[in-house]
């Protein structure tokens, strides 16, 4: 596709010509590279911004999940202790019975 730019300052054109000469390319090639690089850079910045938002949301979700699991763990321990008390068992004895009866250590990979 062809693009034409009008009314470019003479000094800017001189700077472009000097840079093109240094890179041993035409002014057109230099401008094309600069334009394409600018578009790619903006695209990368947008992708990085979207990634940051996604990572932030995932981190928030993980933190919320951790808090919920921690709360569930505490509540489960409370219920376990209440059950042990209601049955008249020492929690250590109950652990031993559960481990031997259901081989819970084997299921956990220990």
PDB file of N, CA and C in Angstrom:
ATOM      1  N   UNK A   1       0.836  -1.164   0.000  1.00  0.00           N
ATOM      2  CA  UNK A   1       0.000   0.000   0.000  1.00  0.00           C
ATOM      3  C   UNK A   1       0.883   1.230   0.000  1.00  0.00           C
ATOM      4  N   UNK A   2       0.446   2.221  -0.680  1.00  0.00           N
ATOM      5  CA  UNK A   2       1.221   3.448  -0.797  1.00  0.00           C
ATOM      6  C   UNK A   2       0.630   4.540   0.083  1.00  0.00           C
ATOM      7  N   UNK A   3       1.518   5.256   0.786  1.00  0.00           N
ATOM      8  CA  UNK A   3       1.091   6.365   1.638  1.00  0.00           C
ATOM      9  C   UNK A   3       1.942   7.575   1.262  1.00  0.00           C
ATOM     10  N   UNK A   4       1.304   8.719   1.134  1.00  0.00           N
ATOM     11  CA  UNK A   4       2.033   9.958   0.849  1.00  0.00           C
ATOM     12  C   UNK A   4       1.824  10.919   2.003  1.00  0.00           C
ATOM     13  N   UNK A   5       2.904  11.606   2.373  1.00  0.00           N
ATOM     14  CA  UNK A   5       2.841  12.576   3.460  1.00  0.00           C
ATOM     15  C   UNK A   5       3.241  13.926   2.879  1.00  0.00           C
ATOM     16  N   UNK A   6       2.441  14.926   3.144  1.00  0.00           N
ATOM     17  CA  UNK A   6       2.707  16.272   2.617  1.00  0.00           C
ATOM     18  C   UNK A   6       3.105  17.220   3.737  1.00  0.00           C
ATOM     19  N   UNK A   7       3.745  18.300   3.341  1.00  0.00           N
ATOM     20  CA  UNK A   7       4.098  19.413   4.230  1.00  0.00           C
ATOM     21  C   UNK A   7       4.986  18.992   5.398  1.00  0.00           C
ATOM     22  N   UNK A   8       5.980  18.132   5.110  1.00  0.00           N
ATOM     23  CA  UNK A   8       6.945  17.727   6.133  1.00  0.00           C
ATOM     24  C   UNK A   8       8.027  18.796   6.201  1.00  0.00           C
ATOM     25  N   UNK A   9       8.404  19.189   7.407  1.00  0.00           N
ATOM     26  CA  UNK A   9       9.419  20.203   7.616  1.00  0.00           C
ATOM     27  C   UNK A   9      10.720  19.794   6.933  1.00  0.00           C
ATOM     28  N   UNK A  10      11.367  20.736   6.291  1.00  0.00           N
ATOM     29  CA  UNK A  10      12.597  20.487   5.535  1.00  0.00           C
ATOM     30  C   UNK A  10      13.689  19.920   6.450  1.00  0.00           C
ATOM     31  N   UNK A  11      13.787  20.434   7.657  1.00  0.00           N
ATOM     32  CA  UNK A  11      14.812  19.962   8.590  1.00  0.00           C
ATOM     33  C   UNK A  11      14.571  18.491   8.957  1.00  0.00           C
ATOM     34  N   UNK A  12      13.320  18.109   9.112  1.00  0.00           N
ATOM     35  CA  UNK A  12      13.001  16.719   9.422  1.00  0.00           C
ATOM     36  C   UNK A  12      13.397  15.814   8.258  1.00  0.00           C
ATOM     37  N   UNK A  13      13.172  16.284   7.048  1.00  0.00           N
ATOM     38  CA  UNK A  13      13.532  15.497   5.862  1.00  0.00           C
ATOM     39  C   UNK A  13      15.044  15.323   5.794  1.00  0.00           C
ATOM     40  N   UNK A  14      15.788  16.386   6.120  1.00  0.00           N
ATOM     41  CA  UNK A  14      17.254  16.291   6.120  1.00  0.00           C
ATOM     42  C   UNK A  14      17.728  15.253   7.135  1.00  0.00           C
ATOM     43  N   UNK A  15      17.144  15.271   8.327  1.00  0.00           N
ATOM     44  CA  UNK A  15      17.521  14.299   9.366  1.00  0.00           C
ATOM     45  C   UNK A  15      17.212  12.883   8.879  1.00  0.00           C
ATOM     46  N   UNK A  16      16.050  12.698   8.272  1.00  0.00           N
ATOM     47  CA  UNK A  16      15.687  11.390   7.729  1.00  0.00           C
ATOM     48  C   UNK A  16      16.665  10.960   6.644  1.00  0.00           C
ATOM     49  N   UNK A  17      17.024  11.883   5.772  1.00  0.00           N
ATOM     50  CA  UNK A  17      17.966  11.555   4.700  1.00  0.00           C
ATOM     51  C   UNK A  17      19.331  11.155   5.255  1.00  0.00           C
ATOM     52  N   UNK A  18      19.790  11.860   6.282  1.00  0.00           N
ATOM     53  CA  UNK A  18      21.070  11.530   6.895  1.00  0.00           C
ATOM     54  C   UNK A  18      21.026  10.139   7.535  1.00  0.00           C
ATOM     55  N   UNK A  19      19.940   9.853   8.244  1.00  0.00           N
ATOM     56  CA  UNK A  19      19.809   8.541   8.881  1.00  0.00           C
ATOM     57  C   UNK A  19      19.711   7.440   7.830  1.00  0.00           C
ATOM     58  N   UNK A  20      18.995   7.701   6.771  1.00  0.00           N
ATOM     59  CA  UNK A  20      18.868   6.715   5.690  1.00  0.00           C
ATOM     60  C   UNK A  20      20.239   6.458   5.068  1.00  0.00           C
ATOM     61  N   UNK A  21      21.008   7.513   4.892  1.00  0.00           N
ATOM     62  CA  UNK A  21      22.346   7.378   4.316  1.00  0.00           C
ATOM     63  C   UNK A  21      23.247   6.545   5.243  1.00  0.00           C
ATOM     64  N   UNK A  22      23.146   6.782   6.571  1.00  0.00           N
ATOM     65  CA  UNK A  22      23.927   6.006   7.536  1.00  0.00           C
ATOM     66  C   UNK A  22      23.578   4.521   7.459  1.00  0.00           C
ATOM     67  N   UNK A  23      22.282   4.247   7.312  1.00  0.00           N
ATOM     68  CA  UNK A  23      21.827   2.852   7.265  1.00  0.00           C
ATOM     69  C   UNK A  23      21.922   2.244   5.858  1.00  0.00           C
ATOM     70  N   UNK A  24      22.347   3.092   4.905  1.00  0.00           N
ATOM     71  CA  UNK A  24      22.496   2.669   3.504  1.00  0.00           C
ATOM     72  C   UNK A  24      21.188   2.122   2.922  1.00  0.00           C
ATOM     73  N   UNK A  25      20.123   2.888   3.184  1.00  0.00           N
ATOM     74  CA  UNK A  25      18.809   2.564   2.620  1.00  0.00           C
ATOM     75  C   UNK A  25      18.184   3.854   2.101  1.00  0.00           C
ATOM     76  N   UNK A  26      17.120   3.710   1.361  1.00  0.00           N
ATOM     77  CA  UNK A  26      16.420   4.898   0.872  1.00  0.00           C
ATOM     78  C   UNK A  26      15.584   5.509   1.994  1.00  0.00           C
ATOM     79  N   UNK A  27      15.193   6.750   1.801  1.00  0.00           N
ATOM     80  CA  UNK A  27      14.329   7.421   2.763  1.00  0.00           C
ATOM     81  C   UNK A  27      13.018   6.645   2.915  1.00  0.00           C
ATOM     82  N   UNK A  28      12.499   6.155   1.809  1.00  0.00           N
ATOM     83  CA  UNK A  28      11.247   5.406   1.831  1.00  0.00           C
ATOM     84  C   UNK A  28      11.383   4.146   2.696  1.00  0.00           C
ATOM     85  N   UNK A  29      12.477   3.411   2.515  1.00  0.00           N
ATOM     86  CA  UNK A  29      12.698   2.194   3.306  1.00  0.00           C
ATOM     87  C   UNK A  29      12.826   2.554   4.789  1.00  0.00           C
ATOM     88  N   UNK A  30      13.560   3.617   5.079  1.00  0.00           N
ATOM     89  CA  UNK A  30      13.727   4.052   6.467  1.00  0.00           C
ATOM     90  C   UNK A  30      12.377   4.407   7.090  1.00  0.00           C
ATOM     91  N   UNK A  31      11.575   5.196   6.386  1.00  0.00           N
ATOM     92  CA  UNK A  31      10.263   5.579   6.902  1.00  0.00           C
ATOM     93  C   UNK A  31       9.356   4.364   7.084  1.00  0.00           C
ATOM     94  N   UNK A  32       9.427   3.440   6.137  1.00  0.00           N
ATOM     95  CA  UNK A  32       8.624   2.217   6.228  1.00  0.00           C
ATOM     96  C   UNK A  32       9.010   1.436   7.482  1.00  0.00           C
ATOM     97  N   UNK A  33      10.303   1.270   7.726  1.00  0.00           N
ATOM     98  CA  UNK A  33      10.773   0.553   8.912  1.00  0.00           C
ATOM     99  C   UNK A  33      10.313   1.246  10.197  1.00  0.00           C
ATOM    100  N   UNK A  34      10.466   2.569  10.218  1.00  0.00           N
ATOM    101  CA  UNK A  34      10.091   3.334  11.406  1.00  0.00           C
ATOM    102  C   UNK A  34       8.593   3.208  11.696  1.00  0.00           C
ATOM    103  N   UNK A  35       7.796   3.298  10.659  1.00  0.00           N
ATOM    104  CA  UNK A  35       6.351   3.195  10.817  1.00  0.00           C
ATOM    105  C   UNK A  35       5.952   1.797  11.285  1.00  0.00           C
ATOM    106  N   UNK A  36       6.502   0.767  10.656  1.00  0.00           N
ATOM    107  CA  UNK A  36       6.184  -0.606  11.038  1.00  0.00           C
ATOM    108  C   UNK A  36       6.653  -0.910  12.460  1.00  0.00           C
ATOM    109  N   UNK A  37       7.837  -0.413  12.829  1.00  0.00           N
ATOM    110  CA  UNK A  37       8.343  -0.619  14.190  1.00  0.00           C
ATOM    111  C   UNK A  37       7.436   0.057  15.223  1.00  0.00           C
ATOM    112  N   UNK A  38       6.968   1.252  14.899  1.00  0.00           N
ATOM    113  CA  UNK A  38       6.079   1.969  15.822  1.00  0.00           C
ATOM    114  C   UNK A  38       4.781   1.198  16.036  1.00  0.00           C
ATOM    115  N   UNK A  39       4.228   0.668  14.958  1.00  0.00           N
ATOM    116  CA  UNK A  39       2.985  -0.096  15.066  1.00  0.00           C
ATOM    117  C   UNK A  39       3.211  -1.380  15.866  1.00  0.00           C
ATOM    118  N   UNK A  40       4.311  -2.080  15.593  1.00  0.00           N
ATOM    119  CA  UNK A  40       4.620  -3.313  16.332  1.00  0.00           C
ATOM    120  C   UNK A  40       4.812  -3.011  17.812  1.00  0.00           C
ATOM    121  N   UNK A  41       5.522  -1.925  18.119  1.00  0.00           N
ATOM    122  CA  UNK A  41       5.782  -1.559  19.508  1.00  0.00           C
ATOM    123  C   UNK A  41       4.483  -1.261  20.238  1.00  0.00           C
ATOM    124  N   UNK A  42       3.587  -0.513  19.588  1.00  0.00           N
ATOM    125  CA  UNK A  42       2.290  -0.221  20.197  1.00  0.00           C
ATOM    126  C   UNK A  42       1.496  -1.500  20.418  1.00  0.00           C
ATOM    127  N   UNK A  43       1.567  -2.424  19.480  1.00  0.00           N
ATOM    128  CA  UNK A  43       0.879  -3.708  19.624  1.00  0.00           C
ATOM    129  C   UNK A  43       1.430  -4.510  20.792  1.00  0.00           C
ATOM    130  N   UNK A  44       2.747  -4.487  20.934  1.00  0.00           N
ATOM    131  CA  UNK A  44       3.388  -5.197  22.051  1.00  0.00           C
ATOM    132  C   UNK A  44       2.985  -4.561  23.375  1.00  0.00           C
ATOM    133  N   UNK A  45       2.965  -3.224  23.432  1.00  0.00           N
ATOM    134  CA  UNK A  45       2.562  -2.546  24.666  1.00  0.00           C
ATOM    135  C   UNK A  45       1.126  -2.894  25.034  1.00  0.00           C
ATOM    136  N   UNK A  46       0.237  -2.946  24.049  1.00  0.00           N
ATOM    137  CA  UNK A  46      -1.155  -3.296  24.307  1.00  0.00           C
ATOM    138  C   UNK A  46      -1.265  -4.734  24.800  1.00  0.00           C
ATOM    139  N   UNK A  47      -0.530  -5.652  24.172  1.00  0.00           N
ATOM    140  CA  UNK A  47      -0.552  -7.061  24.603  1.00  0.00           C
ATOM    141  C   UNK A  47      -0.016  -7.203  26.024  1.00  0.00           C
ATOM    142  N   UNK A  48       1.043  -6.466  26.356  1.00  0.00           N
ATOM    143  CA  UNK A  48       1.602  -6.517  27.708  1.00  0.00           C
ATOM    144  C   UNK A  48       0.600  -5.983  28.729  1.00  0.00           C
ATOM    145  N   UNK A  49      -0.103  -4.914  28.371  1.00  0.00           N
ATOM    146  CA  UNK A  49      -1.105  -4.341  29.269  1.00  0.00           C
ATOM    147  C   UNK A  49      -2.228  -5.344  29.510  1.00  0.00           C
ATOM    148  N   UNK A  50      -2.697  -6.000  28.450  1.00  0.00           N
ATOM    149  CA  UNK A  50      -3.746  -7.005  28.590  1.00  0.00           C
ATOM    150  C   UNK A  50      -3.264  -8.182  29.432  1.00  0.00           C
ATOM    151  N   UNK A  51      -2.012  -8.576  29.243  1.00  0.00           N
ATOM    152  CA  UNK A  51      -1.437  -9.669  30.035  1.00  0.00           C
ATOM    153  C   UNK A  51      -1.370  -9.284  31.514  1.00  0.00           C
ATOM    154  N   UNK A  52      -0.952  -8.055  31.800  1.00  0.00           N
ATOM    155  CA  UNK A  52      -0.882  -7.590  33.183  1.00  0.00           C
ATOM    156  C   UNK A  52      -2.257  -7.628  33.848  1.00  0.00           C
ATOM    157  N   UNK A  53      -3.286  -7.209  33.111  1.00  0.00           N
ATOM    158  CA  UNK A  53      -4.648  -7.231  33.655  1.00  0.00           C
ATOM    159  C   UNK A  53      -5.071  -8.668  33.943  1.00  0.00           C
ATOM    160  N   UNK A  54      -4.789  -9.570  33.009  1.00  0.00           N
ATOM    161  CA  UNK A  54      -5.151 -10.979  33.183  1.00  0.00           C
ATOM    162  C   UNK A  54      -4.416 -11.590  34.368  1.00  0.00           C
ATOM    163  N   UNK A  55      -3.123 -11.351  34.464  1.00  0.00           N
ATOM    164  CA  UNK A  55      -2.327 -11.892  35.579  1.00  0.00           C
ATOM    165  C   UNK A  55      -2.841 -11.342  36.910  1.00  0.00           C
ATOM    166  N   UNK A  56      -3.206 -10.076  36.928  1.00  0.00           N
ATOM    167  CA  UNK A  56      -3.737  -9.470  38.146  1.00  0.00           C
ATOM    168  C   UNK A  56      -5.047 -10.134  38.559  1.00  0.00           C
ATOM    169  N   UNK A  57      -5.906 -10.389  37.582  1.00  0.00           N
ATOM    170  CA  UNK A  57      -7.179 -11.057  37.888  1.00  0.00           C
ATOM    171  C   UNK A  57      -6.948 -12.475  38.403  1.00  0.00           C
ATOM    172  N   UNK A  58      -6.022 -13.182  37.784  1.00  0.00           N
ATOM    173  CA  UNK A  58      -5.707 -14.545  38.232  1.00  0.00           C
ATOM    174  C   UNK A  58      -5.153 -14.511  39.652  1.00  0.00           C
ATOM    175  N   UNK A  59      -4.268 -13.561  39.929  1.00  0.00           N
ATOM    176  CA  UNK A  59      -3.697 -13.439  41.277  1.00  0.00           C
ATOM    177  C   UNK A  59      -4.793 -13.145  42.297  1.00  0.00           C
ATOM    178  N   UNK A  60      -5.728 -12.260  41.945  1.00  0.00           N
ATOM    179  CA  UNK A  60      -6.839 -11.960  42.849  1.00  0.00           C
ATOM    180  C   UNK A  60      -7.678 -13.210  43.097  1.00  0.00           C
ATOM    181  N   UNK A  61      -7.942 -13.973  42.039  1.00  0.00           N
ATOM    182  CA  UNK A  61      -8.714 -15.204  42.172  1.00  0.00           C
ATOM    183  C   UNK A  61      -8.010 -16.222  43.043  1.00  0.00           C
ATOM    184  N   UNK A  62      -6.702 -16.357  42.869  1.00  0.00           N
ATOM    185  CA  UNK A  62      -5.923 -17.294  43.694  1.00  0.00           C
ATOM    186  C   UNK A  62      -5.917 -16.870  45.162  1.00  0.00           C
ATOM    187  N   UNK A  63      -5.795 -15.583  45.393  1.00  0.00           N
ATOM    188  CA  UNK A  63      -5.799 -15.090  46.775  1.00  0.00           C
ATOM    189  C   UNK A  63      -7.153 -15.365  47.438  1.00  0.00           C
ATOM    190  N   UNK A  64      -8.227 -15.115  46.705  1.00  0.00           N
ATOM    191  CA  UNK A  64      -9.562 -15.370  47.237  1.00  0.00           C
ATOM    192  C   UNK A  64      -9.754 -16.862  47.499  1.00  0.00           C
ATOM    193  N   UNK A  65      -9.295 -17.704  46.585  1.00  0.00           N
ATOM    194  CA  UNK A  65      -9.399 -19.150  46.757  1.00  0.00           C
ATOM    195  C   UNK A  65      -8.601 -19.606  47.978  1.00  0.00           C
ATOM    196  N   UNK A  66      -7.404 -19.071  48.144  1.00  0.00           N
ATOM    197  CA  UNK A  66      -6.579 -19.411  49.301  1.00  0.00           C
ATOM    198  C   UNK A  66      -7.294 -19.051  50.600  1.00  0.00           C
ATOM    199  N   UNK A  67      -7.871 -17.861  50.653  1.00  0.00           N
ATOM    200  CA  UNK A  67      -8.578 -17.432  51.866  1.00  0.00           C
ATOM    201  C   UNK A  67      -9.759 -18.358  52.164  1.00  0.00           C
ATOM    202  N   UNK A  68     -10.494 -18.713  51.111  1.00  0.00           N
ATOM    203  CA  UNK A  68     -11.643 -19.607  51.301  1.00  0.00           C
ATOM    204  C   UNK A  68     -11.200 -20.985  51.784  1.00  0.00           C
ATOM    205  N   UNK A  69     -10.153 -21.526  51.169  1.00  0.00           N
ATOM    206  CA  UNK A  69      -9.652 -22.840  51.584  1.00  0.00           C
ATOM    207  C   UNK A  69      -9.134 -22.803  53.014  1.00  0.00           C
ATOM    208  N   UNK A  70      -8.472 -21.745  53.368  1.00  0.00           N
ATOM    209  CA  UNK A  70      -7.964 -21.595  54.734  1.00  0.00           C
ATOM    210  C   UNK A  70      -9.128 -21.558  55.721  1.00  0.00           C
ATOM    211  N   UNK A  71     -10.179 -20.831  55.366  1.00  0.00           N
ATOM    212  CA  UNK A  71     -11.370 -20.760  56.218  1.00  0.00           C
ATOM    213  C   UNK A  71     -12.022 -22.141  56.340  1.00  0.00           C
ATOM    214  N   UNK A  72     -12.151 -22.847  55.223  1.00  0.00           N
ATOM    215  CA  UNK A  72     -12.748 -24.193  55.235  1.00  0.00           C
ATOM    216  C   UNK A  72     -11.914 -25.132  56.099  1.00  0.00           C
ATOM    217  N   UNK A  73     -10.595 -25.025  55.992  1.00  0.00           N
ATOM    218  CA  UNK A  73      -9.716 -25.885  56.791  1.00  0.00           C
ATOM    219  C   UNK A  73      -9.942 -25.643  58.289  1.00  0.00           C
ATOM    220  N   UNK A  74     -10.031 -24.389  58.683  1.00  0.00           N
ATOM    221  CA  UNK A  74     -10.259 -24.068  60.094  1.00  0.00           C
ATOM    222  C   UNK A  74     -11.619 -24.586  60.563  1.00  0.00           C
ATOM    223  N   UNK A  75     -12.642 -24.384  59.727  1.00  0.00           N
ATOM    224  CA  UNK A  75     -13.986 -24.849  60.100  1.00  0.00           C
ATOM    225  C   UNK A  75     -14.023 -26.379  60.188  1.00  0.00           C
ATOM    226  N   UNK A  76     -13.342 -27.049  59.280  1.00  0.00           N
ATOM    227  CA  UNK A  76     -13.303 -28.519  59.303  1.00  0.00           C
ATOM    228  C   UNK A  76     -12.615 -29.011  60.572  1.00  0.00           C
ATOM    229  N   UNK A  77     -11.544 -28.363  60.963  1.00  0.00           N
ATOM    230  CA  UNK A  77     -10.854 -28.734  62.204  1.00  0.00           C
ATOM    231  C   UNK A  77     -11.772 -28.534  63.405  1.00  0.00           C
ATOM    232  N   UNK A  78     -12.509 -27.426  63.422  1.00  0.00           N
ATOM    233  CA  UNK A  78     -13.452 -27.188  64.517  1.00  0.00           C
ATOM    234  C   UNK A  78     -14.498 -28.302  64.575  1.00  0.00           C
ATOM    235  N   UNK A  79     -15.051 -28.648  63.416  1.00  0.00           N
ATOM    236  CA  UNK A  79     -16.058 -29.721  63.384  1.00  0.00           C
ATOM    237  C   UNK A  79     -15.462 -31.053  63.840  1.00  0.00           C
ATOM    238  N   UNK A  80     -14.244 -31.322  63.437  1.00  0.00           N
ATOM    239  CA  UNK A  80     -13.553 -32.553  63.836  1.00  0.00           C
ATOM    240  C   UNK A  80     -13.394 -32.605  65.353  1.00  0.00           C
ATOM    241  N   UNK A  81     -12.962 -31.496  65.929  1.00  0.00           N
ATOM    242  CA  UNK A  81     -12.762 -31.458  67.377  1.00  0.00           C
ATOM    243  C   UNK A  81     -14.093 -31.586  68.120  1.00  0.00           C
ATOM    244  N   UNK A  82     -15.145 -30.964  67.598  1.00  0.00           N
ATOM    245  CA  UNK A  82     -16.474 -31.092  68.206  1.00  0.00           C
ATOM    246  C   UNK A  82     -16.937 -32.551  68.152  1.00  0.00           C
ATOM    247  N   UNK A  83     -16.725 -33.197  66.994  1.00  0.00           N
ATOM    248  CA  UNK A  83     -17.115 -34.595  66.838  1.00  0.00           C
ATOM    249  C   UNK A  83     -16.339 -35.495  67.810  1.00  0.00           C
ATOM    250  N   UNK A  84     -15.031 -35.247  67.924  1.00  0.00           N
ATOM    251  CA  UNK A  84     -14.219 -36.032  68.864  1.00  0.00           C
ATOM    252  C   UNK A  84     -14.743 -35.858  70.291  1.00  0.00           C
ATOM    253  N   UNK A  85     -15.064 -34.624  70.636  1.00  0.00           N
ATOM    254  CA  UNK A  85     -15.577 -34.351  71.976  1.00  0.00           C
ATOM    255  C   UNK A  85     -16.921 -35.051  72.194  1.00  0.00           C
ATOM    256  N   UNK A  86     -17.799 -34.989  71.185  1.00  0.00           N
ATOM    257  CA  UNK A  86     -19.122 -35.615  71.302  1.00  0.00           C
ATOM    258  C   UNK A  86     -19.004 -37.127  71.436  1.00  0.00           C
ATOM    259  N   UNK A  87     -18.011 -37.712  70.771  1.00  0.00           N
ATOM    260  CA  UNK A  87     -17.832 -39.166  70.835  1.00  0.00           C
ATOM    261  C   UNK A  87     -16.971 -39.592  72.023  1.00  0.00           C
ATOM    262  N   UNK A  88     -16.410 -38.615  72.721  1.00  0.00           N
ATOM    263  CA  UNK A  88     -15.568 -38.915  73.872  1.00  0.00           C
ATOM    264  C   UNK A  88     -14.202 -39.445  73.479  1.00  0.00           C
ATOM    265  N   UNK A  89     -13.719 -39.065  72.297  1.00  0.00           N
ATOM    266  CA  UNK A  89     -12.406 -39.523  71.825  1.00  0.00           C
ATOM    267  C   UNK A  89     -11.370 -38.414  71.958  1.00  0.00           C
ATOM    268  N   UNK A  90     -10.169 -38.842  72.248  1.00  0.00           N
ATOM    269  CA  UNK A  90      -9.031 -37.942  72.202  1.00  0.00           C
ATOM    270  C   UNK A  90      -8.720 -37.745  70.707  1.00  0.00           C
ATOM    271  N   UNK A  91      -8.501 -36.521  70.216  1.00  0.00           N
ATOM    272  CA  UNK A  91      -8.216 -36.314  68.790  1.00  0.00           C
ATOM    273  C   UNK A  91      -7.047 -37.149  68.267  1.00  0.00           C
ATOM    274  N   UNK A  92      -6.046 -37.387  69.105  1.00  0.00           N
ATOM    275  CA  UNK A  92      -4.914 -38.214  68.674  1.00  0.00           C
ATOM    276  C   UNK A  92      -5.354 -39.657  68.459  1.00  0.00           C
ATOM    277  N   UNK A  93      -6.234 -40.159  69.347  1.00  0.00           N
ATOM    278  CA  UNK A  93      -6.764 -41.511  69.179  1.00  0.00           C
ATOM    279  C   UNK A  93      -7.615 -41.594  67.909  1.00  0.00           C
ATOM    280  N   UNK A  94      -8.404 -40.565  67.668  1.00  0.00           N
ATOM    281  CA  UNK A  94      -9.245 -40.538  66.473  1.00  0.00           C
ATOM    282  C   UNK A  94      -8.379 -40.538  65.210  1.00  0.00           C
ATOM    283  N   UNK A  95      -7.291 -39.782  65.231  1.00  0.00           N
ATOM    284  CA  UNK A  95      -6.371 -39.778  64.082  1.00  0.00           C
ATOM    285  C   UNK A  95      -5.812 -41.172  63.837  1.00  0.00           C
ATOM    286  N   UNK A  96      -5.406 -41.826  64.921  1.00  0.00           N
ATOM    287  CA  UNK A  96      -4.848 -43.176  64.808  1.00  0.00           C
ATOM    288  C   UNK A  96      -5.882 -44.143  64.224  1.00  0.00           C
ATOM    289  N   UNK A  97      -7.109 -44.077  64.726  1.00  0.00           N
ATOM    290  CA  UNK A  97      -8.175 -44.947  64.230  1.00  0.00           C
ATOM    291  C   UNK A  97      -8.442 -44.693  62.747  1.00  0.00           C
ATOM    292  N   UNK A  98      -8.533 -43.429  62.369  1.00  0.00           N
ATOM    293  CA  UNK A  98      -8.782 -43.079  60.961  1.00  0.00           C
ATOM    294  C   UNK A  98      -7.644 -43.551  60.061  1.00  0.00           C
ATOM    295  N   UNK A  99      -6.419 -43.345  60.504  1.00  0.00           N
ATOM    296  CA  UNK A  99      -5.265 -43.750  59.702  1.00  0.00           C
ATOM    297  C   UNK A  99      -5.244 -45.260  59.498  1.00  0.00           C
ATOM    298  N   UNK A 100      -5.517 -45.999  60.552  1.00  0.00           N
ATOM    299  CA  UNK A 100      -5.480 -47.462  60.450  1.00  0.00           C
ATOM    300  C   UNK A 100      -6.697 -48.011  59.699  1.00  0.00           C
ATOM    301  N   UNK A 101      -7.843 -47.433  59.920  1.00  0.00           N
ATOM    302  CA  UNK A 101      -9.071 -47.934  59.298  1.00  0.00           C
ATOM    303  C   UNK A 101      -9.133 -47.622  57.813  1.00  0.00           C
ATOM    304  N   UNK A 102      -8.772 -46.413  57.461  1.00  0.00           N
ATOM    305  CA  UNK A 102      -8.936 -45.978  56.070  1.00  0.00           C
ATOM    306  C   UNK A 102      -7.610 -45.817  55.335  1.00  0.00           C
ATOM    307  N   UNK A 103      -6.515 -46.142  55.962  1.00  0.00           N
ATOM    308  CA  UNK A 103      -5.179 -46.005  55.366  1.00  0.00           C
ATOM    309  C   UNK A 103      -5.019 -44.647  54.701  1.00  0.00           C
ATOM    310  N   UNK A 104      -5.354 -43.610  55.445  1.00  0.00           N
ATOM    311  CA  UNK A 104      -5.351 -42.260  54.896  1.00  0.00           C
ATOM    312  C   UNK A 104      -3.958 -41.801  54.502  1.00  0.00           C
ATOM    313  N   UNK A 105      -2.936 -42.267  55.210  1.00  0.00           N
ATOM    314  CA  UNK A 105      -1.577 -41.882  54.856  1.00  0.00           C
ATOM    315  C   UNK A 105      -1.211 -42.377  53.471  1.00  0.00           C
ATOM    316  N   UNK A 106      -1.656 -43.572  53.112  1.00  0.00           N
ATOM    317  CA  UNK A 106      -1.353 -44.139  51.782  1.00  0.00           C
ATOM    318  C   UNK A 106      -2.021 -43.335  50.672  1.00  0.00           C
ATOM    319  N   UNK A 107      -3.229 -42.846  50.897  1.00  0.00           N
ATOM    320  CA  UNK A 107      -3.966 -42.087  49.891  1.00  0.00           C
ATOM    321  C   UNK A 107      -3.351 -40.719  49.651  1.00  0.00           C
ATOM    322  N   UNK A 108      -2.685 -40.170  50.633  1.00  0.00           N
ATOM    323  CA  UNK A 108      -2.086 -38.854  50.504  1.00  0.00           C
ATOM    324  C   UNK A 108      -0.705 -38.927  49.878  1.00  0.00           C
ATOM    325  N   UNK A 109      -0.215 -40.115  49.631  1.00  0.00           N
ATOM    326  CA  UNK A 109       1.095 -40.261  49.005  1.00  0.00           C
ATOM    327  C   UNK A 109       2.243 -40.201  49.987  1.00  0.00           C
ATOM    328  N   UNK A 110       1.972 -40.331  51.270  1.00  0.00           N
ATOM    329  CA  UNK A 110       3.037 -40.292  52.283  1.00  0.00           C
ATOM    330  C   UNK A 110       3.678 -41.642  52.443  1.00  0.00           C
TER     331      UNK A 110
END
